[in-house]
């Protein structure tokens, strides 16, 4: 060794007062210098030194926040909520890129066919699919962590649902702006989307996080096929009557979801 840590710095190190980058330099040096370790032992209280090492280990082992998680924390979101949000599977770039590609392709087909029917049929399914993929033991990589955490199952589901709806409805809204020629008709997907998502959530405690949205989505497809065969005009779900029915279904599903909110805690803890 051609140099040694100054004794004053070793005293500060022992008290846990040595700041970076001197702290990092001292750590590295102490691992290979017996002389400085002996000096440190002579100027420090053994109990205080153990506390310092534990503090250092805790700082080195703490998980690094991603960009999105750090942004949420800066905006005032609690640490554990930010972690649950950023761990949502459908907020990954692969899922969002797939949704963007699907919407762009659909908008292109609408311009080619000069009819918004395909976009209106697809847009309500995206939030439903996103919610289905964001919760459950088969799909959520952090599901076991959520089960053992002191978080109500319904609250966890609502946190994930809000994240999904904010992302998917935002992308749907941008796609709607690309269809200005259709005016308010291009927004006819919104109420069905809320109705499908709320219904899928309300059925989840009984049918599970995959089967419930699958059945709701299948019923939506069957309804559209039947409406298309019934006449040549606008599809019934996108008429004034259909929009009113979608609003009523959404309201009923939200009420049912509130009534069964306690079952989510039993459901997600018994699914492992």
Protein backbone atom coordinates (compact mmCIF):
# COMPACT_ATOMS: atom_id res chain seq x y z
CA UNK A 1 0.00 0.00 0.00
CA UNK A 2 1.30 3.44 -0.93
CA UNK A 3 -1.30 5.32 1.12
CA UNK A 4 -3.64 4.88 4.10
CA UNK A 5 -6.94 6.41 5.14
CA UNK A 6 -6.48 9.42 7.39
CA UNK A 7 -7.22 8.73 11.05
CA UNK A 8 -9.83 11.51 11.22
CA UNK A 9 -11.60 9.99 8.24
CA UNK A 10 -11.52 6.59 9.98
CA UNK A 11 -13.11 8.14 13.07
CA UNK A 12 -15.82 9.69 10.89
CA UNK A 13 -16.25 6.34 9.15
CA UNK A 14 -16.74 4.60 12.49
CA UNK A 15 -19.38 7.15 13.51
CA UNK A 16 -21.21 6.76 10.17
CA UNK A 17 -20.49 10.37 9.23
CA UNK A 18 -18.12 9.85 6.30
CA UNK A 19 -19.81 10.98 3.10
CA UNK A 20 -19.38 9.75 -0.46
CA UNK A 21 -17.10 9.54 -2.37
CA UNK A 22 -14.67 9.25 0.57
CA UNK A 23 -16.94 6.59 2.04
CA UNK A 24 -16.65 4.43 -1.07
CA UNK A 25 -12.87 4.90 -1.22
CA UNK A 26 -12.51 3.97 2.44
CA UNK A 27 -14.68 0.86 1.98
CA UNK A 28 -12.57 -0.37 -0.91
CA UNK A 29 -9.30 0.41 0.86
CA UNK A 30 -10.31 -1.30 4.13
CA UNK A 31 -10.99 -4.58 2.34
CA UNK A 32 -7.32 -4.86 1.33
CA UNK A 33 -5.43 -2.94 4.03
CA UNK A 34 -4.84 -4.66 7.38
CA UNK A 35 -3.09 -1.60 8.82
CA UNK A 36 -6.17 0.63 8.30
CA UNK A 37 -8.49 -2.05 9.66
CA UNK A 38 -6.39 -2.25 12.80
CA UNK A 39 -6.44 1.54 13.13
CA UNK A 40 -10.20 1.57 12.61
CA UNK A 41 -10.63 -1.05 15.35
CA UNK A 42 -8.58 1.08 17.76
CA UNK A 43 -10.53 4.30 17.20
CA UNK A 44 -14.07 2.94 16.94
CA UNK A 45 -16.69 1.41 19.18
CA UNK A 46 -17.38 -2.17 17.94
CA UNK A 47 -21.15 -1.74 18.33
CA UNK A 48 -21.13 1.49 16.34
CA UNK A 49 -19.01 -0.14 13.62
CA UNK A 50 -21.54 -2.98 13.28
CA UNK A 51 -24.33 -0.42 12.91
CA UNK A 52 -22.32 1.33 10.19
CA UNK A 53 -21.79 -1.87 8.24
CA UNK A 54 -25.51 -2.70 8.51
CA UNK A 55 -26.39 0.76 7.23
CA UNK A 56 -24.02 0.34 4.32
CA UNK A 57 -25.42 -3.08 3.46
CA UNK A 58 -28.95 -1.67 3.52
CA UNK A 59 -27.99 1.16 1.16
CA UNK A 60 -26.27 -1.23 -1.27
CA UNK A 61 -29.14 -3.74 -1.26
CA UNK A 62 -32.00 -1.27 -1.69
CA UNK A 63 -33.73 -1.74 -5.10
CA UNK A 64 -33.02 0.91 -7.71
CA UNK A 65 -36.06 2.91 -8.79
CA UNK A 66 -36.86 3.04 -12.47
CA UNK A 67 -37.61 6.27 -14.30
CA UNK A 68 -41.40 5.85 -14.13
CA UNK A 69 -41.33 4.82 -10.46
CA UNK A 70 -39.10 7.74 -9.52
CA UNK A 71 -41.44 10.12 -11.38
CA UNK A 72 -44.46 8.79 -9.48
CA UNK A 73 -42.68 9.22 -6.14
CA UNK A 74 -41.74 12.80 -7.07
CA UNK A 75 -45.42 13.47 -7.86
CA UNK A 76 -46.36 12.42 -4.33
CA UNK A 77 -47.36 8.78 -4.88
CA UNK A 78 -46.47 6.54 -1.92
CA UNK A 79 -43.45 4.27 -2.40
CA UNK A 80 -45.41 1.00 -2.17
CA UNK A 81 -48.13 2.25 -4.52
CA UNK A 82 -45.52 3.41 -7.05
CA UNK A 83 -43.88 -0.03 -6.88
CA UNK A 84 -47.22 -1.79 -7.47
CA UNK A 85 -47.99 0.49 -10.40
CA UNK A 86 -44.64 0.05 -12.11
CA UNK A 87 -44.87 -3.73 -11.66
CA UNK A 88 -48.16 -3.82 -13.59
CA UNK A 89 -47.48 -6.20 -16.54
CA UNK A 90 -49.48 -4.19 -19.09
CA UNK A 91 -47.40 -1.06 -18.49
CA UNK A 92 -44.39 -2.73 -20.04
CA UNK A 93 -43.14 -1.41 -23.35
CA UNK A 94 -43.97 -4.65 -25.19
CA UNK A 95 -47.66 -4.46 -24.26
CA UNK A 96 -47.95 -0.73 -24.97
CA UNK A 97 -46.15 -1.14 -28.30
CA UNK A 98 -48.55 -3.96 -29.26
CA UNK A 99 -51.57 -1.78 -28.37
CA UNK A 100 -50.20 1.16 -30.36
CA UNK A 101 -49.55 -1.09 -33.37
CA UNK A 102 -53.06 -2.55 -33.16
CA UNK A 103 -54.68 0.87 -32.94
CA UNK A 104 -52.64 2.30 -35.81
CA UNK A 105 -53.53 -0.70 -37.98
CA UNK A 106 -57.21 -0.38 -37.06
CA UNK A 107 -57.27 3.34 -37.85
CA UNK A 108 -55.70 2.53 -41.22
CA UNK A 109 -58.43 -0.02 -41.92
CA UNK A 110 -61.08 2.55 -40.95
CA UNK A 111 -59.72 4.99 -43.53
CA UNK A 112 -59.66 2.25 -46.16
CA UNK A 113 -63.20 1.00 -45.49
CA UNK A 114 -64.60 4.47 -44.68
CA UNK A 115 -66.37 3.04 -41.61
CA UNK A 116 -65.43 3.33 -37.92
CA UNK A 117 -67.16 0.04 -37.02
CA UNK A 118 -63.94 -1.98 -36.60
CA UNK A 119 -62.35 0.65 -34.36
CA UNK A 120 -65.52 1.00 -32.26
CA UNK A 121 -65.67 -2.78 -31.85
CA UNK A 122 -62.00 -3.17 -30.89
CA UNK A 123 -61.47 -0.16 -28.60
CA UNK A 124 -63.74 -1.42 -25.74
CA UNK A 125 -61.86 -4.73 -25.63
CA UNK A 126 -58.43 -3.20 -24.99
CA UNK A 127 -59.12 -1.93 -21.42
CA UNK A 128 -60.82 -5.23 -20.60
CA UNK A 129 -57.82 -7.21 -21.85
CA UNK A 130 -55.42 -4.91 -20.00
CA UNK A 131 -57.22 -5.42 -16.69
CA UNK A 132 -57.29 -9.19 -17.24
CA UNK A 133 -53.52 -9.24 -17.83
CA UNK A 134 -52.67 -7.02 -14.86
CA UNK A 135 -53.98 -9.13 -12.00
CA UNK A 136 -53.88 -12.80 -11.06
CA UNK A 137 -51.43 -15.56 -10.10
CA UNK A 138 -50.94 -16.79 -13.66
CA UNK A 139 -50.00 -13.43 -15.16
CA UNK A 140 -48.69 -11.04 -12.50
CA UNK A 141 -44.96 -11.54 -11.74
CA UNK A 142 -45.39 -9.77 -8.37
CA UNK A 143 -48.55 -11.65 -7.37
CA UNK A 144 -46.97 -13.60 -4.49
CA UNK A 145 -45.50 -10.38 -3.10
CA UNK A 146 -48.94 -8.73 -3.29
CA UNK A 147 -50.59 -11.67 -1.53
CA UNK A 148 -48.33 -11.47 1.53
CA UNK A 149 -48.35 -7.67 1.66
CA UNK A 150 -50.81 -5.86 3.97
CA UNK A 151 -52.83 -4.53 1.02
CA UNK A 152 -56.53 -5.21 0.57
CA UNK A 153 -57.16 -7.27 -2.55
CA UNK A 154 -59.76 -4.83 -3.83
CA UNK A 155 -57.41 -1.87 -3.32
CA UNK A 156 -54.63 -3.64 -5.22
CA UNK A 157 -57.03 -4.39 -8.07
CA UNK A 158 -58.21 -0.77 -8.20
CA UNK A 159 -54.61 0.52 -8.27
CA UNK A 160 -53.81 -1.75 -11.21
CA UNK A 161 -57.13 -0.95 -12.94
CA UNK A 162 -56.58 2.80 -12.73
CA UNK A 163 -53.11 2.35 -14.23
CA UNK A 164 -54.49 0.23 -17.07
CA UNK A 165 -57.39 2.57 -17.81
CA UNK A 166 -55.15 5.64 -17.79
CA UNK A 167 -52.79 4.02 -20.30
CA UNK A 168 -55.26 2.29 -22.61
CA UNK A 169 -57.98 4.95 -22.61
CA UNK A 170 -55.30 7.54 -23.29
CA UNK A 171 -54.07 5.57 -26.32
CA UNK A 172 -57.65 5.03 -27.48
CA UNK A 173 -58.25 8.75 -27.16
CA UNK A 174 -55.24 9.53 -29.33
CA UNK A 175 -56.50 7.07 -31.93
CA UNK A 176 -59.90 8.78 -31.81
CA UNK A 177 -58.25 12.12 -32.64
CA UNK A 178 -57.02 10.49 -35.86
CA UNK A 179 -60.67 10.07 -36.95
CA UNK A 180 -61.97 13.67 -36.95
CA UNK A 181 -64.31 13.06 -39.89
CA UNK A 182 -66.62 10.92 -37.74
CA UNK A 183 -67.15 13.51 -35.00
CA UNK A 184 -68.77 12.25 -31.81
CA UNK A 185 -69.38 8.83 -33.40
CA UNK A 186 -65.68 8.10 -32.94
CA UNK A 187 -66.20 8.33 -29.14
CA UNK A 188 -68.97 5.73 -29.06
CA UNK A 189 -66.45 3.15 -27.75
CA UNK A 190 -66.03 4.87 -24.37
CA UNK A 191 -69.25 3.80 -22.57
CA UNK A 192 -69.01 0.19 -23.83
CA UNK A 193 -65.38 0.10 -22.69
CA UNK A 194 -66.35 1.19 -19.18
CA UNK A 195 -69.28 -1.26 -19.13
CA UNK A 196 -67.14 -4.22 -20.24
CA UNK A 197 -64.33 -3.43 -17.80
CA UNK A 198 -66.65 -2.92 -14.83
CA UNK A 199 -68.58 -6.11 -15.62
CA UNK A 200 -65.39 -8.13 -15.95
CA UNK A 201 -64.16 -6.81 -12.60
CA UNK A 202 -67.48 -7.53 -10.88
CA UNK A 203 -67.41 -11.16 -12.08
CA UNK A 204 -63.74 -11.71 -11.17
CA UNK A 205 -64.27 -12.90 -7.54
CA UNK A 206 -66.52 -15.73 -8.77
CA UNK A 207 -65.00 -16.64 -12.14
CA UNK A 208 -61.35 -15.60 -11.77
CA UNK A 209 -59.23 -12.86 -13.38
CA UNK A 210 -58.93 -14.66 -16.73
CA UNK A 211 -62.27 -16.40 -17.26
CA UNK A 212 -64.43 -13.42 -16.28
CA UNK A 213 -62.95 -10.95 -18.80
CA UNK A 214 -62.85 -13.70 -21.44
CA UNK A 215 -66.56 -14.37 -21.10
CA UNK A 216 -67.40 -10.66 -21.10
CA UNK A 217 -65.26 -10.09 -24.18
CA UNK A 218 -66.83 -13.08 -25.91
CA UNK A 219 -70.31 -11.76 -25.13
CA UNK A 220 -69.34 -8.41 -26.65
CA UNK A 221 -68.18 -10.08 -29.87
CA UNK A 222 -71.39 -12.14 -30.07
CA UNK A 223 -73.47 -8.99 -29.54
CA UNK A 224 -71.66 -7.19 -32.35
CA UNK A 225 -72.08 -10.12 -34.74
CA UNK A 226 -75.79 -10.34 -33.95
CA UNK A 227 -76.20 -6.57 -34.38
CA UNK A 228 -74.42 -6.66 -37.72
CA UNK A 229 -76.70 -9.42 -39.02
CA UNK A 230 -79.81 -7.61 -37.78
CA UNK A 231 -79.56 -4.66 -40.18
CA UNK A 232 -77.51 -2.46 -42.49
CA UNK A 233 -77.58 0.67 -40.31
CA UNK A 234 -75.25 1.62 -37.43
CA UNK A 235 -74.56 -1.19 -35.00
CA UNK A 236 -76.99 -1.08 -32.08
CA UNK A 237 -74.32 -0.69 -29.34
CA UNK A 238 -73.22 2.56 -30.98
CA UNK A 239 -76.68 4.11 -31.31
CA UNK A 240 -78.31 6.34 -28.67
CA UNK A 241 -80.21 3.34 -27.27
CA UNK A 242 -77.07 1.22 -27.16
CA UNK A 243 -75.08 3.96 -25.45
CA UNK A 244 -77.79 4.32 -22.81
CA UNK A 245 -77.77 0.57 -22.24
CA UNK A 246 -73.97 0.60 -21.91
CA UNK A 247 -74.18 3.40 -19.31
CA UNK A 248 -76.80 1.43 -17.35
CA UNK A 249 -74.71 -1.76 -17.45
CA UNK A 250 -71.64 0.18 -16.31
CA UNK A 251 -73.57 1.69 -13.37
CA UNK A 252 -74.97 -1.70 -12.32
CA UNK A 253 -71.56 -3.36 -12.61
CA UNK A 254 -69.93 -0.64 -10.49
CA UNK A 255 -72.63 -1.17 -7.85
CA UNK A 256 -72.07 -4.92 -7.89
CA UNK A 257 -68.32 -4.39 -7.73
CA UNK A 258 -68.76 -2.29 -4.60
CA UNK A 259 -70.92 -4.97 -2.99
CA UNK A 260 -68.41 -7.78 -3.63
CA UNK A 261 -65.29 -5.74 -2.81
CA UNK A 262 -64.50 -7.82 0.29
CA UNK A 263 -64.44 -11.04 -1.73
CA UNK A 264 -61.31 -9.93 -3.59
CA UNK A 265 -59.23 -10.31 -0.44
CA UNK A 266 -60.41 -13.91 0.03
CA UNK A 267 -60.06 -14.58 -3.70
CA UNK A 268 -56.49 -13.38 -4.18
CA UNK A 269 -55.20 -15.02 -1.00
CA UNK A 270 -56.76 -18.38 -1.88
CA UNK A 271 -55.54 -18.38 -5.49
CA UNK A 272 -51.91 -19.15 -4.72
